[in-house]
Amino acid sequence: MRTFAIGDIHGGLKALLQVLKSIEVTEEDTLIFVGDYVDGWSESAQVIQFLIDLSEKINCIFIKGNHDVWCQDWLKTANVNPTWFMHGGKETIASYDGFTKKEKKKHLTFFKNMPLYHLDKDNRLFLHAGFTSMHGVAREVFKENFYFDRTLWEMALSIDKNIDKESSSYPKRLQHYDEIYIGHTPTTNFGETVPMNAVNIWNIDTGAAFKGKITAINIDTKAYFQSDFLPDLYPNEKGRNK
């Protein structure tokens, strides 16, 4: 049995299919998605439908990202959040053209049922963005941090690698978990198109919303598998144009 964590997808169904083919996914595997399934490329609704179908065959865990929150709100109310519209929502709305009310309702339920984080039996934490409570995710007051926070990753990048984990100066946020897997902040912001590791955090958002790739990482071996660059798969689109 293998477990893969899969980074931000942002409507890139073609890239997701490449990744799943690369890892030769089977019914014995577990797939943990860290959120942001929609907004960016032209197949957001199709990604959601594919994931719903996939979850009926393979054990999948779908963490909720900030773009998923926005899309869920739109499916529920039909109100268009201006910030969402400018950051991929326009393309997501277009992708739902031709979907029935029944299908949209099923997608809404799918979004509603997504957890904000997942903690496995080996004390490995999976979430979209981060958290701020020094006591860990169970005591996070502001739930929006799970899908918006960037300070967790920024802190990990700034930590002196020579500080012992048991030291009083080591950030208490990081002492609770053996490993933490996140998305949300593209590694391409730091000039990397591959997963980045800082302290015990693995950032697997490799820029699929923009000019990067979708990544799946085997959480035991740390072997990773990637799609082609998204602009190459959608040459007539701009994605989120960064």
C-alpha atoms as a PDB file:
ATOM      1  CA  MET A   1       0.000   0.000   0.000  1.00  0.00           C
ATOM      2  CA  ARG A   2       1.278   3.450  -0.964  1.00  0.00           C
ATOM      3  CA  THR A   3       0.179   6.921   0.058  1.00  0.00           C
ATOM      4  CA  PHE A   4       0.666   9.930  -2.176  1.00  0.00           C
ATOM      5  CA  ALA A   5       0.098  13.573  -1.357  1.00  0.00           C
ATOM      6  CA  ILE A   6      -0.982  15.569  -4.390  1.00  0.00           C
ATOM      7  CA  GLY A   7      -0.541  19.310  -4.720  1.00  0.00           C
ATOM      8  CA  ASP A   8      -2.741  22.101  -6.062  1.00  0.00           C
ATOM      9  CA  ILE A   9      -4.551  21.270  -9.328  1.00  0.00           C
ATOM     10  CA  HIS A  10      -6.345  24.504 -10.319  1.00  0.00           C
ATOM     11  CA  GLY A  11      -8.514  23.111 -13.079  1.00  0.00           C
ATOM     12  CA  GLY A  12      -5.684  21.273 -14.830  1.00  0.00           C
ATOM     13  CA  LEU A  13      -7.338  17.907 -15.485  1.00  0.00           C
ATOM     14  CA  LYS A  14      -4.893  16.988 -18.237  1.00  0.00           C
ATOM     15  CA  ALA A  15      -1.993  17.431 -15.831  1.00  0.00           C
ATOM     16  CA  LEU A  16      -3.711  15.486 -13.070  1.00  0.00           C
ATOM     17  CA  LEU A  17      -4.270  12.555 -15.409  1.00  0.00           C
ATOM     18  CA  GLN A  18      -0.583  12.619 -16.338  1.00  0.00           C
ATOM     19  CA  VAL A  19       0.437  12.447 -12.700  1.00  0.00           C
ATOM     20  CA  LEU A  20      -1.899   9.579 -11.868  1.00  0.00           C
ATOM     21  CA  LYS A  21      -0.597   7.696 -14.894  1.00  0.00           C
ATOM     22  CA  SER A  22       2.999   8.328 -13.813  1.00  0.00           C
ATOM     23  CA  ILE A  23       2.469   6.881 -10.354  1.00  0.00           C
ATOM     24  CA  GLU A  24       0.495   3.983 -11.837  1.00  0.00           C
ATOM     25  CA  VAL A  25      -2.183   4.474  -9.225  1.00  0.00           C
ATOM     26  CA  THR A  26      -4.017   1.339  -8.098  1.00  0.00           C
ATOM     27  CA  GLU A  27      -6.986   0.525  -5.888  1.00  0.00           C
ATOM     28  CA  GLU A  28      -4.537  -0.289  -3.089  1.00  0.00           C
ATOM     29  CA  ASP A  29      -3.201   3.263  -2.925  1.00  0.00           C
ATOM     30  CA  THR A  30      -4.326   6.206  -0.820  1.00  0.00           C
ATOM     31  CA  LEU A  31      -4.357   9.670  -2.370  1.00  0.00           C
ATOM     32  CA  ILE A  32      -4.349  12.765  -0.158  1.00  0.00           C
ATOM     33  CA  PHE A  33      -5.101  15.978  -2.044  1.00  0.00           C
ATOM     34  CA  VAL A  34      -4.099  19.218  -0.309  1.00  0.00           C
ATOM     35  CA  GLY A  35      -6.701  21.443  -1.946  1.00  0.00           C
ATOM     36  CA  ASP A  36      -7.325  24.051  -4.656  1.00  0.00           C
ATOM     37  CA  TYR A  37      -8.912  21.791  -7.235  1.00  0.00           C
ATOM     38  CA  VAL A  38     -10.451  24.688  -9.151  1.00  0.00           C
ATOM     39  CA  ASP A  39      -9.650  28.134 -10.593  1.00  0.00           C
ATOM     40  CA  GLY A  40      -7.007  28.698 -13.218  1.00  0.00           C
ATOM     41  CA  TRP A  41      -7.278  26.403 -16.225  1.00  0.00           C
ATOM     42  CA  SER A  42     -10.432  25.565 -18.136  1.00  0.00           C
ATOM     43  CA  GLU A  43     -11.419  22.214 -16.607  1.00  0.00           C
ATOM     44  CA  SER A  44     -12.314  22.972 -12.989  1.00  0.00           C
ATOM     45  CA  ALA A  45     -15.792  21.432 -13.062  1.00  0.00           C
ATOM     46  CA  GLN A  46     -14.356  18.469 -14.933  1.00  0.00           C
ATOM     47  CA  VAL A  47     -11.663  18.028 -12.270  1.00  0.00           C
ATOM     48  CA  ILE A  48     -14.322  17.899  -9.550  1.00  0.00           C
ATOM     49  CA  GLN A  49     -16.383  15.359 -11.458  1.00  0.00           C
ATOM     50  CA  PHE A  50     -13.291  13.239 -12.075  1.00  0.00           C
ATOM     51  CA  LEU A  51     -12.327  13.321  -8.391  1.00  0.00           C
ATOM     52  CA  ILE A  52     -15.825  12.318  -7.320  1.00  0.00           C
ATOM     53  CA  ASP A  53     -15.663   9.347  -9.677  1.00  0.00           C
ATOM     54  CA  LEU A  54     -12.110   8.506  -8.593  1.00  0.00           C
ATOM     55  CA  SER A  55     -13.099   8.434  -4.928  1.00  0.00           C
ATOM     56  CA  GLU A  56     -15.552   5.653  -5.689  1.00  0.00           C
ATOM     57  CA  LYS A  57     -12.652   3.418  -6.776  1.00  0.00           C
ATOM     58  CA  ILE A  58      -9.682   4.535  -4.675  1.00  0.00           C
ATOM     59  CA  ASN A  59      -9.288   5.718  -1.085  1.00  0.00           C
ATOM     60  CA  CYS A  60      -9.043   9.509  -1.400  1.00  0.00           C
ATOM     61  CA  ILE A  61      -8.869  12.328   1.128  1.00  0.00           C
ATOM     62  CA  PHE A  62      -9.722  15.783  -0.180  1.00  0.00           C
ATOM     63  CA  ILE A  63      -8.511  18.735   1.899  1.00  0.00           C
ATOM     64  CA  LYS A  64     -10.302  22.039   1.306  1.00  0.00           C
ATOM     65  CA  GLY A  65      -8.347  24.987  -0.105  1.00  0.00           C
ATOM     66  CA  ASN A  66      -9.247  28.669  -0.308  1.00  0.00           C
ATOM     67  CA  HIS A  67     -10.309  28.423  -3.954  1.00  0.00           C
ATOM     68  CA  ASP A  68     -12.570  25.530  -3.029  1.00  0.00           C
ATOM     69  CA  VAL A  69     -14.204  27.675  -0.347  1.00  0.00           C
ATOM     70  CA  TRP A  70     -14.930  30.362  -2.941  1.00  0.00           C
ATOM     71  CA  CYS A  71     -16.309  27.863  -5.440  1.00  0.00           C
ATOM     72  CA  GLN A  72     -18.458  26.223  -2.778  1.00  0.00           C
ATOM     73  CA  ASP A  73     -19.960  29.586  -1.879  1.00  0.00           C
ATOM     74  CA  TRP A  74     -20.766  30.269  -5.529  1.00  0.00           C
ATOM     75  CA  LEU A  75     -22.391  26.878  -6.028  1.00  0.00           C
ATOM     76  CA  LYS A  76     -24.473  27.454  -2.902  1.00  0.00           C
ATOM     77  CA  THR A  77     -25.572  31.055  -3.439  1.00  0.00           C
ATOM     78  CA  ALA A  78     -24.797  31.937  -7.083  1.00  0.00           C
ATOM     79  CA  ASN A  79     -23.117  35.075  -5.729  1.00  0.00           C
ATOM     80  CA  VAL A  80     -19.802  35.878  -7.405  1.00  0.00           C
ATOM     81  CA  ASN A  81     -17.038  36.958  -5.028  1.00  0.00           C
ATOM     82  CA  PRO A  82     -15.079  39.688  -6.919  1.00  0.00           C
ATOM     83  CA  THR A  83     -11.725  38.509  -5.557  1.00  0.00           C
ATOM     84  CA  TRP A  84     -12.501  34.937  -6.601  1.00  0.00           C
ATOM     85  CA  PHE A  85     -13.639  36.055 -10.061  1.00  0.00           C
ATOM     86  CA  MET A  86     -10.301  37.784 -10.674  1.00  0.00           C
ATOM     87  CA  HIS A  87      -8.270  34.821  -9.390  1.00  0.00           C
ATOM     88  CA  GLY A  88      -9.633  32.008 -11.502  1.00  0.00           C
ATOM     89  CA  GLY A  89     -13.328  32.133 -10.687  1.00  0.00           C
ATOM     90  CA  LYS A  90     -14.192  33.395 -14.155  1.00  0.00           C
ATOM     91  CA  GLU A  91     -12.723  30.263 -15.729  1.00  0.00           C
ATOM     92  CA  THR A  92     -14.399  28.013 -13.170  1.00  0.00           C
ATOM     93  CA  ILE A  93     -17.826  29.499 -13.834  1.00  0.00           C
ATOM     94  CA  ALA A  94     -17.302  28.937 -17.565  1.00  0.00           C
ATOM     95  CA  SER A  95     -16.281  25.316 -16.950  1.00  0.00           C
ATOM     96  CA  TYR A  96     -19.694  24.628 -15.411  1.00  0.00           C
ATOM     97  CA  ASP A  97     -21.489  25.467 -18.635  1.00  0.00           C
ATOM     98  CA  GLY A  98     -23.587  22.423 -19.531  1.00  0.00           C
ATOM     99  CA  PHE A  99     -23.627  20.956 -16.008  1.00  0.00           C
ATOM    100  CA  THR A 100     -27.110  20.291 -14.682  1.00  0.00           C
ATOM    101  CA  LYS A 101     -28.501  21.569 -11.376  1.00  0.00           C
ATOM    102  CA  LYS A 102     -28.311  18.015 -10.065  1.00  0.00           C
ATOM    103  CA  GLU A 103     -24.638  17.725 -10.991  1.00  0.00           C
ATOM    104  CA  LYS A 104     -23.847  21.096  -9.435  1.00  0.00           C
ATOM    105  CA  LYS A 105     -25.629  20.051  -6.263  1.00  0.00           C
ATOM    106  CA  LYS A 106     -23.486  16.912  -6.123  1.00  0.00           C
ATOM    107  CA  HIS A 107     -20.359  19.050  -6.508  1.00  0.00           C
ATOM    108  CA  LEU A 108     -21.561  21.349  -3.729  1.00  0.00           C
ATOM    109  CA  THR A 109     -21.952  18.375  -1.419  1.00  0.00           C
ATOM    110  CA  PHE A 110     -18.456  17.238  -2.392  1.00  0.00           C
ATOM    111  CA  PHE A 111     -17.009  20.604  -1.370  1.00  0.00           C
ATOM    112  CA  LYS A 112     -19.027  20.719   1.863  1.00  0.00           C
ATOM    113  CA  ASN A 113     -17.698  17.336   2.955  1.00  0.00           C
ATOM    114  CA  MET A 114     -14.033  18.277   2.571  1.00  0.00           C
ATOM    115  CA  PRO A 115     -12.087  18.413   5.858  1.00  0.00           C
ATOM    116  CA  LEU A 116      -9.807  21.349   6.620  1.00  0.00           C
ATOM    117  CA  TYR A 117      -6.937  19.043   7.596  1.00  0.00           C
ATOM    118  CA  HIS A 118      -6.038  15.381   7.964  1.00  0.00           C
ATOM    119  CA  LEU A 119      -3.788  13.780  10.569  1.00  0.00           C
ATOM    120  CA  ASP A 120      -2.725  10.211   9.820  1.00  0.00           C
ATOM    121  CA  LYS A 121      -1.801   7.402  12.212  1.00  0.00           C
ATOM    122  CA  ASP A 122       1.902   8.255  11.890  1.00  0.00           C
ATOM    123  CA  ASN A 123       1.370  11.825  13.092  1.00  0.00           C
ATOM    124  CA  ARG A 124       1.724  13.333   9.620  1.00  0.00           C
ATOM    125  CA  LEU A 125      -0.419  16.411   9.059  1.00  0.00           C
ATOM    126  CA  PHE A 126      -1.941  17.408   5.719  1.00  0.00           C
ATOM    127  CA  LEU A 127      -3.606  20.769   5.114  1.00  0.00           C
ATOM    128  CA  HIS A 128      -3.845  23.392   2.424  1.00  0.00           C
ATOM    129  CA  ALA A 129      -2.024  26.365   3.881  1.00  0.00           C
ATOM    130  CA  GLY A 130      -1.081  26.484   7.561  1.00  0.00           C
ATOM    131  CA  PHE A 131      -2.126  27.233  11.132  1.00  0.00           C
ATOM    132  CA  THR A 132      -1.042  29.685  13.805  1.00  0.00           C
ATOM    133  CA  SER A 133      -1.848  28.073  17.149  1.00  0.00           C
ATOM    134  CA  MET A 134       1.228  27.040  19.109  1.00  0.00           C
ATOM    135  CA  HIS A 135      -0.919  24.188  20.451  1.00  0.00           C
ATOM    136  CA  GLY A 136      -1.569  22.631  17.043  1.00  0.00           C
ATOM    137  CA  VAL A 137      -4.460  22.412  14.622  1.00  0.00           C
ATOM    138  CA  ALA A 138      -7.015  21.121  17.132  1.00  0.00           C
ATOM    139  CA  ARG A 139      -6.844  24.451  18.970  1.00  0.00           C
ATOM    140  CA  GLU A 140      -6.706  26.770  15.957  1.00  0.00           C
ATOM    141  CA  VAL A 141      -9.181  29.592  16.620  1.00  0.00           C
ATOM    142  CA  PHE A 142      -9.379  31.071  13.136  1.00  0.00           C
ATOM    143  CA  LYS A 143     -10.303  28.205  10.814  1.00  0.00           C
ATOM    144  CA  GLU A 144      -9.584  30.387   7.760  1.00  0.00           C
ATOM    145  CA  ASN A 145      -5.887  29.959   8.556  1.00  0.00           C
ATOM    146  CA  PHE A 146      -6.107  26.340   7.414  1.00  0.00           C
ATOM    147  CA  TYR A 147      -6.604  27.533   3.849  1.00  0.00           C
ATOM    148  CA  PHE A 148      -5.117  31.061   3.853  1.00  0.00           C
ATOM    149  CA  ASP A 149      -2.130  31.144   6.223  1.00  0.00           C
ATOM    150  CA  ARG A 150       1.364  31.524   4.757  1.00  0.00           C
ATOM    151  CA  THR A 151       3.255  32.201   7.983  1.00  0.00           C
ATOM    152  CA  LEU A 152       3.807  28.503   8.711  1.00  0.00           C
ATOM    153  CA  TRP A 153       5.793  28.080   5.509  1.00  0.00           C
ATOM    154  CA  GLU A 154       7.573  31.411   5.881  1.00  0.00           C
ATOM    155  CA  MET A 155       8.626  30.429   9.397  1.00  0.00           C
ATOM    156  CA  ALA A 156       9.919  27.044   8.236  1.00  0.00           C
ATOM    157  CA  LEU A 157      12.058  28.687   5.582  1.00  0.00           C
ATOM    158  CA  SER A 158      13.625  31.040   8.117  1.00  0.00           C
ATOM    159  CA  ILE A 159      14.537  28.483  10.789  1.00  0.00           C
ATOM    160  CA  ASP A 160      18.202  27.868  11.483  1.00  0.00           C
ATOM    161  CA  LYS A 161      18.760  24.209  10.611  1.00  0.00           C
ATOM    162  CA  ASN A 162      21.204  23.870  13.497  1.00  0.00           C
ATOM    163  CA  ILE A 163      18.489  24.427  16.119  1.00  0.00           C
ATOM    164  CA  ASP A 164      17.554  21.180  17.821  1.00  0.00           C
ATOM    165  CA  LYS A 165      13.877  20.237  17.622  1.00  0.00           C
ATOM    166  CA  GLU A 166      13.745  19.814  21.400  1.00  0.00           C
ATOM    167  CA  SER A 167      15.233  23.265  22.009  1.00  0.00           C
ATOM    168  CA  SER A 168      13.075  25.902  23.729  1.00  0.00           C
ATOM    169  CA  SER A 169      13.764  28.230  20.787  1.00  0.00           C
ATOM    170  CA  TYR A 170      12.354  25.767  18.273  1.00  0.00           C
ATOM    171  CA  PRO A 171       8.851  26.841  17.090  1.00  0.00           C
ATOM    172  CA  LYS A 172       6.231  24.986  19.097  1.00  0.00           C
ATOM    173  CA  ARG A 173       3.909  24.863  16.083  1.00  0.00           C
ATOM    174  CA  LEU A 174       6.276  22.431  14.415  1.00  0.00           C
ATOM    175  CA  GLN A 175       6.890  20.183  17.419  1.00  0.00           C
ATOM    176  CA  HIS A 176       3.437  18.607  17.318  1.00  0.00           C
ATOM    177  CA  TYR A 177       3.830  16.703  14.040  1.00  0.00           C
ATOM    178  CA  ASP A 178       6.419  14.425  12.502  1.00  0.00           C
ATOM    179  CA  GLU A 179       5.762  15.874   9.051  1.00  0.00           C
ATOM    180  CA  ILE A 180       3.463  18.507   7.561  1.00  0.00           C
ATOM    181  CA  TYR A 181       2.354  18.574   3.925  1.00  0.00           C
ATOM    182  CA  ILE A 182       0.982  21.810   2.468  1.00  0.00           C
ATOM    183  CA  GLY A 183       0.102  23.537  -0.780  1.00  0.00           C
ATOM    184  CA  HIS A 184      -1.130  27.129  -1.271  1.00  0.00           C
ATOM    185  CA  THR A 185       2.224  28.910  -1.679  1.00  0.00           C
ATOM    186  CA  PRO A 186       3.779  27.940  -5.041  1.00  0.00           C
ATOM    187  CA  THR A 187       7.368  26.750  -4.953  1.00  0.00           C
ATOM    188  CA  THR A 188       7.766  28.638  -8.224  1.00  0.00           C
ATOM    189  CA  ASN A 189       7.709  31.800  -6.088  1.00  0.00           C
ATOM    190  CA  PHE A 190      11.129  30.646  -4.880  1.00  0.00           C
ATOM    191  CA  GLY A 191      12.446  29.610  -8.291  1.00  0.00           C
ATOM    192  CA  GLU A 192      11.640  25.907  -7.807  1.00  0.00           C
ATOM    193  CA  THR A 193       9.396  23.675  -9.923  1.00  0.00           C
ATOM    194  CA  VAL A 194       9.783  20.685  -7.588  1.00  0.00           C
ATOM    195  CA  PRO A 195       8.577  20.052  -4.010  1.00  0.00           C
ATOM    196  CA  MET A 196      10.427  21.987  -1.321  1.00  0.00           C
ATOM    197  CA  ASN A 197      11.328  20.749   2.145  1.00  0.00           C
ATOM    198  CA  ALA A 198      11.976  23.081   5.068  1.00  0.00           C
ATOM    199  CA  VAL A 199      12.423  21.559   8.535  1.00  0.00           C
ATOM    200  CA  ASN A 200       9.573  19.028   8.745  1.00  0.00           C
ATOM    201  CA  ILE A 201       7.319  20.743   6.177  1.00  0.00           C
ATOM    202  CA  TRP A 202       6.886  19.616   2.584  1.00  0.00           C
ATOM    203  CA  ASN A 203       5.443  22.183   0.194  1.00  0.00           C
ATOM    204  CA  ILE A 204       3.964  20.379  -2.819  1.00  0.00           C
ATOM    205  CA  ASP A 205       2.283  23.285  -4.596  1.00  0.00           C
ATOM    206  CA  THR A 206       4.574  23.452  -7.616  1.00  0.00           C
ATOM    207  CA  GLY A 207       2.804  26.276  -9.386  1.00  0.00           C
ATOM    208  CA  ALA A 208       0.096  24.517 -11.381  1.00  0.00           C
ATOM    209  CA  ALA A 209      -2.086  27.626 -11.266  1.00  0.00           C
ATOM    210  CA  PHE A 210       0.538  29.584 -13.146  1.00  0.00           C
ATOM    211  CA  LYS A 211       3.449  28.239 -15.210  1.00  0.00           C
ATOM    212  CA  GLY A 212       4.368  25.225 -13.085  1.00  0.00           C
ATOM    213  CA  LYS A 213       3.309  21.611 -12.706  1.00  0.00           C
ATOM    214  CA  ILE A 214       1.114  19.323 -10.625  1.00  0.00           C
ATOM    215  CA  THR A 215       3.061  17.108  -8.229  1.00  0.00           C
ATOM    216  CA  ALA A 216       2.393  13.860  -6.383  1.00  0.00           C
ATOM    217  CA  ILE A 217       4.836  12.736  -3.692  1.00  0.00           C
ATOM    218  CA  ASN A 218       5.140   9.334  -2.061  1.00  0.00           C
ATOM    219  CA  ILE A 219       5.089  10.326   1.608  1.00  0.00           C
ATOM    220  CA  ASP A 220       7.189   7.331   2.649  1.00  0.00           C
ATOM    221  CA  THR A 221       9.946   7.337   0.016  1.00  0.00           C
ATOM    222  CA  LYS A 222       9.721  11.036  -0.950  1.00  0.00           C
ATOM    223  CA  ALA A 223       9.857  10.058  -4.623  1.00  0.00           C
ATOM    224  CA  TYR A 224       7.818  12.595  -6.558  1.00  0.00           C
ATOM    225  CA  PHE A 225       6.066  12.557  -9.911  1.00  0.00           C
ATOM    226  CA  GLN A 226       5.088  15.564 -11.995  1.00  0.00           C
ATOM    227  CA  SER A 227       2.991  16.584 -14.947  1.00  0.00           C
ATOM    228  CA  ASP A 228       4.177  18.650 -17.861  1.00  0.00           C
ATOM    229  CA  PHE A 229       4.134  22.402 -17.411  1.00  0.00           C
ATOM    230  CA  LEU A 230       0.496  23.488 -17.431  1.00  0.00           C
ATOM    231  CA  PRO A 231       0.884  26.148 -20.174  1.00  0.00           C
ATOM    232  CA  ASP A 232       2.175  23.400 -22.481  1.00  0.00           C
ATOM    233  CA  LEU A 233      -0.960  21.348 -21.842  1.00  0.00           C
ATOM    234  CA  TYR A 234      -3.280  24.333 -22.298  1.00  0.00           C
ATOM    235  CA  PRO A 235      -1.428  26.374 -24.963  1.00  0.00           C
ATOM    236  CA  ASN A 236      -4.413  28.563 -25.818  1.00  0.00           C
ATOM    237  CA  GLU A 237      -5.057  29.602 -22.238  1.00  0.00           C
ATOM    238  CA  LYS A 238      -3.400  31.939 -19.784  1.00  0.00           C
ATOM    239  CA  GLY A 239      -4.135  30.165 -16.517  1.00  0.00           C
ATOM    240  CA  ARG A 240      -3.760  32.736 -13.788  1.00  0.00           C
ATOM    241  CA  ASN A 241      -1.220  34.502 -16.000  1.00  0.00           C
ATOM    242  CA  LYS A 242       1.760  34.783 -13.659  1.00  0.00           C
END
